[in-house]
């Protein structure tokens, strides 16, 4: 699969009406790695949500269950804010049993194309609005051009002429190794002019959800990265592998934060087309 960026236009929890409370964007790599951030629209964040203003934040792997991509599985056991929230409750002795990664429910979506770069996804998943009851849902997704998409313009990807023919550039860094993952877990992915990243600070025992997240856009006209959405104690740019030039990135290359606390390792690179 080529690298891609998609945004969710709406979600419908059946039988309710469709709506959208988040600014959901997913960055995916050719190697099927992804970071999915779903921050709540800032103007409608409730007091209860203010400590962690996300519907969901997770990263994992995409798996094709049907050759035409009409059935896909998205694994969350690599990184899942819902799991981390429960883990934190356990740390605070507010949950009697330690949550297990293997208990994260399967996320399988059934897709159909409904327009240029638009897909309808149906399936079942836990709905936090009704106590995590498994509920039927319908989501509408729009594929975006990773170069032309900006914070103010959605720039639809015309899949018939663009998808699979253009390499926009992609790199993925993970926190790997037992020593590193003892204190932190995370993933950063860049596709075209966009970066999304997540890190879990396991030393933070007090926050509701000890996750930091970034969503950045590279403004080529100014040659700098723009903070579109960031959150958490570690949201500073210096804590994430953020590079302007793909050419300096190689698989297995490492990026260590200035304080030496976090080491990221490159696990995947796709150089952009010239």
C-alpha atoms as a PDB file:
ATOM      1  CA  UNK A   1       0.000   0.000   0.000  1.00  0.00           C
ATOM      2  CA  UNK A   2       1.227   3.530  -0.702  1.00  0.00           C
ATOM      3  CA  UNK A   3       1.593   6.031   2.113  1.00  0.00           C
ATOM      4  CA  UNK A   4      -1.606   7.964   2.695  1.00  0.00           C
ATOM      5  CA  UNK A   5      -3.465  10.583   4.699  1.00  0.00           C
ATOM      6  CA  UNK A   6      -7.176  10.404   5.393  1.00  0.00           C
ATOM      7  CA  UNK A   7      -9.626  12.399   7.456  1.00  0.00           C
ATOM      8  CA  UNK A   8     -12.943  11.359   8.916  1.00  0.00           C
ATOM      9  CA  UNK A   9     -15.916  13.436   7.809  1.00  0.00           C
ATOM     10  CA  UNK A  10     -18.477  11.881  10.132  1.00  0.00           C
ATOM     11  CA  UNK A  11     -19.330   8.996  12.407  1.00  0.00           C
ATOM     12  CA  UNK A  12     -22.781   7.564  13.043  1.00  0.00           C
ATOM     13  CA  UNK A  13     -23.479   5.337  16.015  1.00  0.00           C
ATOM     14  CA  UNK A  14     -26.579   3.496  14.911  1.00  0.00           C
ATOM     15  CA  UNK A  15     -29.421   4.279  15.255  1.00  0.00           C
ATOM     16  CA  UNK A  16     -28.348   7.869  16.093  1.00  0.00           C
ATOM     17  CA  UNK A  17     -27.716  10.608  13.532  1.00  0.00           C
ATOM     18  CA  UNK A  18     -24.285  11.101  11.957  1.00  0.00           C
ATOM     19  CA  UNK A  19     -22.047  13.822  13.368  1.00  0.00           C
ATOM     20  CA  UNK A  20     -18.417  14.739  14.035  1.00  0.00           C
ATOM     21  CA  UNK A  21     -16.924  16.036  17.305  1.00  0.00           C
ATOM     22  CA  UNK A  22     -13.293  15.458  16.377  1.00  0.00           C
ATOM     23  CA  UNK A  23     -10.660  16.507  13.874  1.00  0.00           C
ATOM     24  CA  UNK A  24      -9.604  12.980  12.974  1.00  0.00           C
ATOM     25  CA  UNK A  25      -6.578  12.444  10.733  1.00  0.00           C
ATOM     26  CA  UNK A  26      -4.807   9.150  10.003  1.00  0.00           C
ATOM     27  CA  UNK A  27      -1.295   8.882   8.567  1.00  0.00           C
ATOM     28  CA  UNK A  28      -0.393   5.465   7.111  1.00  0.00           C
ATOM     29  CA  UNK A  29       2.882   4.089   5.749  1.00  0.00           C
ATOM     30  CA  UNK A  30       3.611   1.687   2.866  1.00  0.00           C
ATOM     31  CA  UNK A  31       4.526  -0.875   5.525  1.00  0.00           C
ATOM     32  CA  UNK A  32       1.003  -0.666   6.994  1.00  0.00           C
ATOM     33  CA  UNK A  33       1.991   1.291  10.102  1.00  0.00           C
ATOM     34  CA  UNK A  34      -0.290   4.144  11.145  1.00  0.00           C
ATOM     35  CA  UNK A  35      -0.953   6.883  13.698  1.00  0.00           C
ATOM     36  CA  UNK A  36      -4.603   7.862  14.211  1.00  0.00           C
ATOM     37  CA  UNK A  37      -5.318  11.034  16.218  1.00  0.00           C
ATOM     38  CA  UNK A  38      -8.865  12.098  17.055  1.00  0.00           C
ATOM     39  CA  UNK A  39      -8.701  15.345  19.069  1.00  0.00           C
ATOM     40  CA  UNK A  40     -12.038  16.830  20.031  1.00  0.00           C
ATOM     41  CA  UNK A  41     -12.822  20.110  18.245  1.00  0.00           C
ATOM     42  CA  UNK A  42     -11.377  22.656  20.737  1.00  0.00           C
ATOM     43  CA  UNK A  43     -14.516  24.802  20.903  1.00  0.00           C
ATOM     44  CA  UNK A  44     -16.643  21.890  22.135  1.00  0.00           C
ATOM     45  CA  UNK A  45     -14.272  20.210  24.608  1.00  0.00           C
ATOM     46  CA  UNK A  46     -16.209  19.502  27.805  1.00  0.00           C
ATOM     47  CA  UNK A  47     -14.738  20.015  31.305  1.00  0.00           C
ATOM     48  CA  UNK A  48     -14.557  16.240  31.681  1.00  0.00           C
ATOM     49  CA  UNK A  49     -12.574  15.960  28.436  1.00  0.00           C
ATOM     50  CA  UNK A  50     -10.152  18.796  29.207  1.00  0.00           C
ATOM     51  CA  UNK A  51      -7.600  16.541  30.914  1.00  0.00           C
ATOM     52  CA  UNK A  52      -7.327  14.468  27.738  1.00  0.00           C
ATOM     53  CA  UNK A  53      -9.207  16.209  24.887  1.00  0.00           C
ATOM     54  CA  UNK A  54      -9.248  13.270  22.488  1.00  0.00           C
ATOM     55  CA  UNK A  55     -11.948  10.864  21.426  1.00  0.00           C
ATOM     56  CA  UNK A  56      -9.140   8.405  20.801  1.00  0.00           C
ATOM     57  CA  UNK A  57      -5.435   8.299  19.999  1.00  0.00           C
ATOM     58  CA  UNK A  58      -3.828   5.109  18.796  1.00  0.00           C
ATOM     59  CA  UNK A  59      -1.219   3.558  16.541  1.00  0.00           C
ATOM     60  CA  UNK A  60      -0.647   0.115  15.133  1.00  0.00           C
ATOM     61  CA  UNK A  61      -0.789  -1.872  11.927  1.00  0.00           C
ATOM     62  CA  UNK A  62      -3.261  -2.211   9.079  1.00  0.00           C
ATOM     63  CA  UNK A  63      -3.968  -5.692   7.762  1.00  0.00           C
ATOM     64  CA  UNK A  64      -5.789  -6.403   4.512  1.00  0.00           C
ATOM     65  CA  UNK A  65      -8.392  -9.124   5.041  1.00  0.00           C
ATOM     66  CA  UNK A  66      -9.713  -8.946   1.482  1.00  0.00           C
ATOM     67  CA  UNK A  67      -7.568  -8.268  -1.568  1.00  0.00           C
ATOM     68  CA  UNK A  68      -9.586  -5.299  -2.812  1.00  0.00           C
ATOM     69  CA  UNK A  69      -9.156  -3.511   0.556  1.00  0.00           C
ATOM     70  CA  UNK A  70     -12.877  -3.780   1.253  1.00  0.00           C
ATOM     71  CA  UNK A  71     -12.205  -5.505   4.588  1.00  0.00           C
ATOM     72  CA  UNK A  72      -9.413  -4.184   6.825  1.00  0.00           C
ATOM     73  CA  UNK A  73      -8.229  -4.885  10.351  1.00  0.00           C
ATOM     74  CA  UNK A  74      -6.551  -2.185  12.436  1.00  0.00           C
ATOM     75  CA  UNK A  75      -4.543  -3.443  15.400  1.00  0.00           C
ATOM     76  CA  UNK A  76      -4.249  -1.237  18.497  1.00  0.00           C
ATOM     77  CA  UNK A  77      -2.098  -3.316  20.816  1.00  0.00           C
ATOM     78  CA  UNK A  78       0.959  -1.254  19.796  1.00  0.00           C
ATOM     79  CA  UNK A  79      -0.532   1.933  21.291  1.00  0.00           C
ATOM     80  CA  UNK A  80      -4.077   2.671  22.448  1.00  0.00           C
ATOM     81  CA  UNK A  81      -5.215   5.593  24.618  1.00  0.00           C
ATOM     82  CA  UNK A  82      -8.227   3.642  25.900  1.00  0.00           C
ATOM     83  CA  UNK A  83      -5.946   0.878  27.180  1.00  0.00           C
ATOM     84  CA  UNK A  84      -3.529   3.428  28.691  1.00  0.00           C
ATOM     85  CA  UNK A  85      -6.427   5.162  30.474  1.00  0.00           C
ATOM     86  CA  UNK A  86      -7.431   1.860  32.084  1.00  0.00           C
ATOM     87  CA  UNK A  87      -3.786   1.095  32.906  1.00  0.00           C
ATOM     88  CA  UNK A  88      -3.556   4.441  34.704  1.00  0.00           C
ATOM     89  CA  UNK A  89      -6.703   3.666  36.701  1.00  0.00           C
ATOM     90  CA  UNK A  90      -5.027   0.423  37.772  1.00  0.00           C
ATOM     91  CA  UNK A  91      -1.900   2.376  38.810  1.00  0.00           C
ATOM     92  CA  UNK A  92      -4.093   4.587  40.995  1.00  0.00           C
ATOM     93  CA  UNK A  93      -5.807   1.541  42.549  1.00  0.00           C
ATOM     94  CA  UNK A  94      -9.081   2.569  40.923  1.00  0.00           C
ATOM     95  CA  UNK A  95      -9.263  -0.612  38.860  1.00  0.00           C
ATOM     96  CA  UNK A  96      -8.955  -4.001  40.505  1.00  0.00           C
ATOM     97  CA  UNK A  97      -7.532  -5.930  37.546  1.00  0.00           C
ATOM     98  CA  UNK A  98      -4.600  -4.904  35.382  1.00  0.00           C
ATOM     99  CA  UNK A  99      -5.771  -4.409  31.768  1.00  0.00           C
ATOM    100  CA  UNK A 100      -4.249  -6.723  29.180  1.00  0.00           C
ATOM    101  CA  UNK A 101      -3.237  -5.841  25.634  1.00  0.00           C
ATOM    102  CA  UNK A 102      -4.840  -9.021  24.359  1.00  0.00           C
ATOM    103  CA  UNK A 103      -8.185  -7.797  25.683  1.00  0.00           C
ATOM    104  CA  UNK A 104      -8.242  -4.886  23.217  1.00  0.00           C
ATOM    105  CA  UNK A 105     -11.175  -5.695  20.953  1.00  0.00           C
ATOM    106  CA  UNK A 106     -10.666  -6.403  17.258  1.00  0.00           C
ATOM    107  CA  UNK A 107     -11.144  -3.394  14.974  1.00  0.00           C
ATOM    108  CA  UNK A 108     -12.383  -4.639  11.598  1.00  0.00           C
ATOM    109  CA  UNK A 109     -13.872  -2.262   9.056  1.00  0.00           C
ATOM    110  CA  UNK A 110     -15.877  -2.977   5.908  1.00  0.00           C
ATOM    111  CA  UNK A 111     -15.268  -0.385   3.184  1.00  0.00           C
ATOM    112  CA  UNK A 112     -16.986   0.744   0.021  1.00  0.00           C
ATOM    113  CA  UNK A 113     -16.048   3.586  -2.324  1.00  0.00           C
ATOM    114  CA  UNK A 114     -18.693   6.316  -2.535  1.00  0.00           C
ATOM    115  CA  UNK A 115     -16.916   9.067  -4.484  1.00  0.00           C
ATOM    116  CA  UNK A 116     -13.520  10.509  -5.392  1.00  0.00           C
ATOM    117  CA  UNK A 117     -11.270   9.393  -2.564  1.00  0.00           C
ATOM    118  CA  UNK A 118     -14.295   8.883  -0.293  1.00  0.00           C
ATOM    119  CA  UNK A 119     -15.109   5.640   1.485  1.00  0.00           C
ATOM    120  CA  UNK A 120     -17.852   4.442   3.782  1.00  0.00           C
ATOM    121  CA  UNK A 121     -16.697   2.211   6.644  1.00  0.00           C
ATOM    122  CA  UNK A 122     -19.089   0.042   8.622  1.00  0.00           C
ATOM    123  CA  UNK A 123     -18.504  -2.257  11.551  1.00  0.00           C
ATOM    124  CA  UNK A 124     -18.852  -2.635  15.313  1.00  0.00           C
ATOM    125  CA  UNK A 125     -16.717  -1.151  18.071  1.00  0.00           C
ATOM    126  CA  UNK A 126     -16.854   0.107  21.640  1.00  0.00           C
ATOM    127  CA  UNK A 127     -18.735   3.380  22.041  1.00  0.00           C
ATOM    128  CA  UNK A 128     -17.374   5.410  24.956  1.00  0.00           C
ATOM    129  CA  UNK A 129     -20.573   7.476  25.023  1.00  0.00           C
ATOM    130  CA  UNK A 130     -22.584   4.476  26.227  1.00  0.00           C
ATOM    131  CA  UNK A 131     -20.131   2.804  28.568  1.00  0.00           C
ATOM    132  CA  UNK A 132     -18.028   1.122  25.875  1.00  0.00           C
ATOM    133  CA  UNK A 133     -20.940  -0.977  24.674  1.00  0.00           C
ATOM    134  CA  UNK A 134     -20.172  -2.603  21.306  1.00  0.00           C
ATOM    135  CA  UNK A 135     -22.227  -0.625  18.790  1.00  0.00           C
ATOM    136  CA  UNK A 136     -22.767  -0.614  15.026  1.00  0.00           C
ATOM    137  CA  UNK A 137     -21.189   2.403  13.353  1.00  0.00           C
ATOM    138  CA  UNK A 138     -20.837   4.103   9.962  1.00  0.00           C
ATOM    139  CA  UNK A 139     -17.853   6.341   9.224  1.00  0.00           C
ATOM    140  CA  UNK A 140     -17.173   8.449   6.124  1.00  0.00           C
ATOM    141  CA  UNK A 141     -13.503   8.878   5.198  1.00  0.00           C
ATOM    142  CA  UNK A 142     -11.830  11.200   2.687  1.00  0.00           C
ATOM    143  CA  UNK A 143      -8.341  10.574   1.268  1.00  0.00           C
ATOM    144  CA  UNK A 144      -6.192  13.721   1.086  1.00  0.00           C
ATOM    145  CA  UNK A 145      -3.179  14.735  -0.994  1.00  0.00           C
ATOM    146  CA  UNK A 146      -0.210  14.633   1.440  1.00  0.00           C
ATOM    147  CA  UNK A 147       1.497  17.568  -0.310  1.00  0.00           C
ATOM    148  CA  UNK A 148      -1.424  19.865  -1.163  1.00  0.00           C
ATOM    149  CA  UNK A 149      -3.389  19.278   2.050  1.00  0.00           C
ATOM    150  CA  UNK A 150      -2.902  22.208   4.471  1.00  0.00           C
ATOM    151  CA  UNK A 151      -4.461  23.211   7.807  1.00  0.00           C
ATOM    152  CA  UNK A 152      -6.908  25.412   5.885  1.00  0.00           C
ATOM    153  CA  UNK A 153      -7.467  23.390   2.692  1.00  0.00           C
ATOM    154  CA  UNK A 154      -8.502  19.732   2.482  1.00  0.00           C
ATOM    155  CA  UNK A 155      -7.077  19.015  -1.024  1.00  0.00           C
ATOM    156  CA  UNK A 156      -8.843  15.796  -2.018  1.00  0.00           C
ATOM    157  CA  UNK A 157      -6.672  12.977  -3.341  1.00  0.00           C
ATOM    158  CA  UNK A 158      -7.762  11.997  -6.838  1.00  0.00           C
ATOM    159  CA  UNK A 159      -6.991   8.302  -6.439  1.00  0.00           C
ATOM    160  CA  UNK A 160      -7.456   7.441 -10.104  1.00  0.00           C
ATOM    161  CA  UNK A 161      -4.451   9.583 -11.062  1.00  0.00           C
ATOM    162  CA  UNK A 162      -2.468   9.978  -7.839  1.00  0.00           C
ATOM    163  CA  UNK A 163      -2.710   7.009  -5.496  1.00  0.00           C
ATOM    164  CA  UNK A 164      -0.044   4.395  -6.108  1.00  0.00           C
ATOM    165  CA  UNK A 165       1.771   6.482  -8.715  1.00  0.00           C
ATOM    166  CA  UNK A 166       3.377   9.109  -6.484  1.00  0.00           C
ATOM    167  CA  UNK A 167       5.713   8.529  -3.563  1.00  0.00           C
ATOM    168  CA  UNK A 168       5.095  11.462  -1.249  1.00  0.00           C
ATOM    169  CA  UNK A 169       7.830  10.532   1.183  1.00  0.00           C
ATOM    170  CA  UNK A 170       7.269   8.726   4.460  1.00  0.00           C
ATOM    171  CA  UNK A 171       9.242   7.799   7.543  1.00  0.00           C
ATOM    172  CA  UNK A 172       8.269   5.998  10.735  1.00  0.00           C
ATOM    173  CA  UNK A 173      10.095   6.065  14.064  1.00  0.00           C
ATOM    174  CA  UNK A 174       9.176   3.796  16.967  1.00  0.00           C
ATOM    175  CA  UNK A 175      10.424   3.496  20.515  1.00  0.00           C
ATOM    176  CA  UNK A 176      11.892  -0.006  20.490  1.00  0.00           C
ATOM    177  CA  UNK A 177      13.840  -2.243  22.851  1.00  0.00           C
ATOM    178  CA  UNK A 178      12.942  -3.364  26.356  1.00  0.00           C
ATOM    179  CA  UNK A 179      15.079  -0.713  28.072  1.00  0.00           C
ATOM    180  CA  UNK A 180      13.458   2.146  26.153  1.00  0.00           C
ATOM    181  CA  UNK A 181       9.922   0.768  26.408  1.00  0.00           C
ATOM    182  CA  UNK A 182      10.215   0.345  30.166  1.00  0.00           C
ATOM    183  CA  UNK A 183       9.626   4.102  30.517  1.00  0.00           C
ATOM    184  CA  UNK A 184       8.191   5.216  27.161  1.00  0.00           C
ATOM    185  CA  UNK A 185       6.240   3.852  24.221  1.00  0.00           C
ATOM    186  CA  UNK A 186       5.461   5.678  21.028  1.00  0.00           C
ATOM    187  CA  UNK A 187       5.413   6.151  17.272  1.00  0.00           C
ATOM    188  CA  UNK A 188       6.005   9.069  14.908  1.00  0.00           C
ATOM    189  CA  UNK A 189       5.056   9.007  11.236  1.00  0.00           C
ATOM    190  CA  UNK A 190       5.629  11.566   8.504  1.00  0.00           C
ATOM    191  CA  UNK A 191       3.721  11.426   5.203  1.00  0.00           C
ATOM    192  CA  UNK A 192       4.381  14.230   2.738  1.00  0.00           C
ATOM    193  CA  UNK A 193       4.133  17.517   4.609  1.00  0.00           C
ATOM    194  CA  UNK A 194       2.482  16.078   7.725  1.00  0.00           C
ATOM    195  CA  UNK A 195       3.707  14.487  10.940  1.00  0.00           C
ATOM    196  CA  UNK A 196       1.737  12.812  13.716  1.00  0.00           C
ATOM    197  CA  UNK A 197       3.262  11.328  16.834  1.00  0.00           C
ATOM    198  CA  UNK A 198       2.338   9.742  20.146  1.00  0.00           C
ATOM    199  CA  UNK A 199       4.338   8.952  23.263  1.00  0.00           C
ATOM    200  CA  UNK A 200       3.280   7.339  26.545  1.00  0.00           C
ATOM    201  CA  UNK A 201       5.254   8.491  29.591  1.00  0.00           C
ATOM    202  CA  UNK A 202       5.029   5.539  31.954  1.00  0.00           C
ATOM    203  CA  UNK A 203       6.749   7.459  34.754  1.00  0.00           C
ATOM    204  CA  UNK A 204       3.730   9.790  34.979  1.00  0.00           C
ATOM    205  CA  UNK A 205       1.460   8.177  37.554  1.00  0.00           C
ATOM    206  CA  UNK A 206      -0.835  11.160  38.146  1.00  0.00           C
ATOM    207  CA  UNK A 207      -2.200  12.324  34.770  1.00  0.00           C
ATOM    208  CA  UNK A 208      -5.563  11.001  33.632  1.00  0.00           C
ATOM    209  CA  UNK A 209      -3.980   9.721  30.414  1.00  0.00           C
ATOM    210  CA  UNK A 210      -0.165  10.234  30.374  1.00  0.00           C
ATOM    211  CA  UNK A 211       0.061  10.642  26.601  1.00  0.00           C
ATOM    212  CA  UNK A 212       1.644  13.412  24.553  1.00  0.00           C
ATOM    213  CA  UNK A 213       0.635  13.916  20.925  1.00  0.00           C
ATOM    214  CA  UNK A 214       1.681  16.117  18.020  1.00  0.00           C
ATOM    215  CA  UNK A 215       0.195  16.968  14.642  1.00  0.00           C
ATOM    216  CA  UNK A 216       2.493  19.136  12.511  1.00  0.00           C
ATOM    217  CA  UNK A 217       2.406  20.603   9.007  1.00  0.00           C
ATOM    218  CA  UNK A 218       5.488  21.638   7.038  1.00  0.00           C
ATOM    219  CA  UNK A 219       5.058  25.113   5.546  1.00  0.00           C
ATOM    220  CA  UNK A 220       7.342  24.934   2.515  1.00  0.00           C
ATOM    221  CA  UNK A 221       7.004  28.654   1.831  1.00  0.00           C
ATOM    222  CA  UNK A 222       8.617  29.429   5.200  1.00  0.00           C
ATOM    223  CA  UNK A 223      10.669  26.261   5.621  1.00  0.00           C
ATOM    224  CA  UNK A 224       9.363  25.470   9.077  1.00  0.00           C
ATOM    225  CA  UNK A 225       6.970  23.161  10.895  1.00  0.00           C
ATOM    226  CA  UNK A 226       3.639  24.501  12.125  1.00  0.00           C
ATOM    227  CA  UNK A 227       2.063  23.118  15.302  1.00  0.00           C
ATOM    228  CA  UNK A 228      -1.470  22.229  14.204  1.00  0.00           C
ATOM    229  CA  UNK A 229      -2.389  20.307  17.331  1.00  0.00           C
ATOM    230  CA  UNK A 230      -0.259  19.241  20.278  1.00  0.00           C
ATOM    231  CA  UNK A 231      -0.941  17.987  23.773  1.00  0.00           C
ATOM    232  CA  UNK A 232       0.868  16.688  26.828  1.00  0.00           C
ATOM    233  CA  UNK A 233       3.970  17.194  28.934  1.00  0.00           C
ATOM    234  CA  UNK A 234       6.258  15.936  26.145  1.00  0.00           C
ATOM    235  CA  UNK A 235       4.659  17.821  23.239  1.00  0.00           C
ATOM    236  CA  UNK A 236       7.801  19.897  22.596  1.00  0.00           C
ATOM    237  CA  UNK A 237       9.266  19.403  19.114  1.00  0.00           C
ATOM    238  CA  UNK A 238      12.595  18.376  20.647  1.00  0.00           C
ATOM    239  CA  UNK A 239      11.041  15.155  21.958  1.00  0.00           C
ATOM    240  CA  UNK A 240      10.150  13.835  18.502  1.00  0.00           C
ATOM    241  CA  UNK A 241      12.175  12.990  15.354  1.00  0.00           C
ATOM    242  CA  UNK A 242      11.154  15.922  13.147  1.00  0.00           C
ATOM    243  CA  UNK A 243      13.225  16.339   9.985  1.00  0.00           C
ATOM    244  CA  UNK A 244      12.815  18.614   6.972  1.00  0.00           C
ATOM    245  CA  UNK A 245      14.868  16.438   4.619  1.00  0.00           C
ATOM    246  CA  UNK A 246      13.986  12.793   3.997  1.00  0.00           C
ATOM    247  CA  UNK A 247      17.504  12.122   2.706  1.00  0.00           C
ATOM    248  CA  UNK A 248      19.022  12.200   6.188  1.00  0.00           C
ATOM    249  CA  UNK A 249      16.671   9.444   7.371  1.00  0.00           C
ATOM    250  CA  UNK A 250      17.675   5.778   7.143  1.00  0.00           C
ATOM    251  CA  UNK A 251      16.208   2.587   8.570  1.00  0.00           C
ATOM    252  CA  UNK A 252      17.779   1.822  11.966  1.00  0.00           C
ATOM    253  CA  UNK A 253      19.002   5.406  12.392  1.00  0.00           C
ATOM    254  CA  UNK A 254      18.311   6.750  15.869  1.00  0.00           C
ATOM    255  CA  UNK A 255      17.142  10.042  17.311  1.00  0.00           C
ATOM    256  CA  UNK A 256      17.751  10.712  20.996  1.00  0.00           C
ATOM    257  CA  UNK A 257      16.134  13.616  22.806  1.00  0.00           C
ATOM    258  CA  UNK A 258      18.438  16.329  24.140  1.00  0.00           C
ATOM    259  CA  UNK A 259      17.867  15.182  27.719  1.00  0.00           C
ATOM    260  CA  UNK A 260      18.765  11.616  26.719  1.00  0.00           C
ATOM    261  CA  UNK A 261      15.512  10.198  28.037  1.00  0.00           C
ATOM    262  CA  UNK A 262      13.913   8.927  24.823  1.00  0.00           C
ATOM    263  CA  UNK A 263      15.538   7.134  21.906  1.00  0.00           C
ATOM    264  CA  UNK A 264      13.550   6.722  18.700  1.00  0.00           C
ATOM    265  CA  UNK A 265      14.553   4.227  15.995  1.00  0.00           C
ATOM    266  CA  UNK A 266      13.618   4.535  12.332  1.00  0.00           C
ATOM    267  CA  UNK A 267      11.729   1.408  11.256  1.00  0.00           C
ATOM    268  CA  UNK A 268      10.606   2.485   7.775  1.00  0.00           C
ATOM    269  CA  UNK A 269      11.485   5.035   5.071  1.00  0.00           C
ATOM    270  CA  UNK A 270      10.016   5.834   1.668  1.00  0.00           C
ATOM    271  CA  UNK A 271      11.938   8.513  -0.216  1.00  0.00           C
ATOM    272  CA  UNK A 272       9.757  11.031  -2.091  1.00  0.00           C
ATOM    273  CA  UNK A 273       9.558  11.030  -5.875  1.00  0.00           C
ATOM    274  CA  UNK A 274      11.777  13.614  -7.518  1.00  0.00           C
END
